[in-house]
Amino acid sequence: MNFTELAKKRCSVRAYADKPIAPEHLQAVLEAGRLAPTGKNHQPQRILVVQSPEGLAKMAQAMHNTNAYTAKAVLMICSDTTDCWVRSFDSHCIHEIDASIVTTYMMLAATEQGLGSLWVERFDTEILRKEFHLPDNYVPDALLCLGYPQPEAVKSPERYDTERKPLEETVWYESYQA
């Protein structure tokens, strides 16, 4: 499958089969996160894998979702703010950008492995800090739900033909023009 086919196949999955994730599939997802580029190769990502029923219940509580979308694993993508590249012009630590790239790589790898994923940004950071004992310098940037998708949860790759804006509405050349 080429990149465009993979990107079109990926969709947000909110219902997962009651089947544990094969260790080799999870390992491939985590390896993709390791390979993701980061600002000046600082690699500030710190990923917590949560698979136990107790841990998933804590994740569901942090998401304010009763069952964490029935995911069989949730990855908490954190950034170590003491290990991220800082832009010299405004002293901005780019950890959110790094975490986004890492999460995107893992979502695509999950799709390649036959897993569904859901990137979750609606979470209570204080619950995550308390329940998972996050160090003060770790910032939770994203949660990634994983599992084998229920058939009805998978969307057609053809949806992009009608659900996405055309390039003419999102791309300019040389200067932004109205």
Foldseek 3Di string as FASTA:
>chain_A
DDPLVLVLQADAFLAFDPDADDPVLVVQLVVLLVPFDADVRLSQKDKDKDQDPVRQCLQCVFLVHRGSSVFRIKIFIKGQQVRFDADPVPRDGPVLVSSVRSVVSSSSSLSVSQKHKHKDPRGHQVSVCVVVVDDPRIDGNIMMGIHRHDVVRGDGSCVCVPPPDDVVVPDDPPDDDD
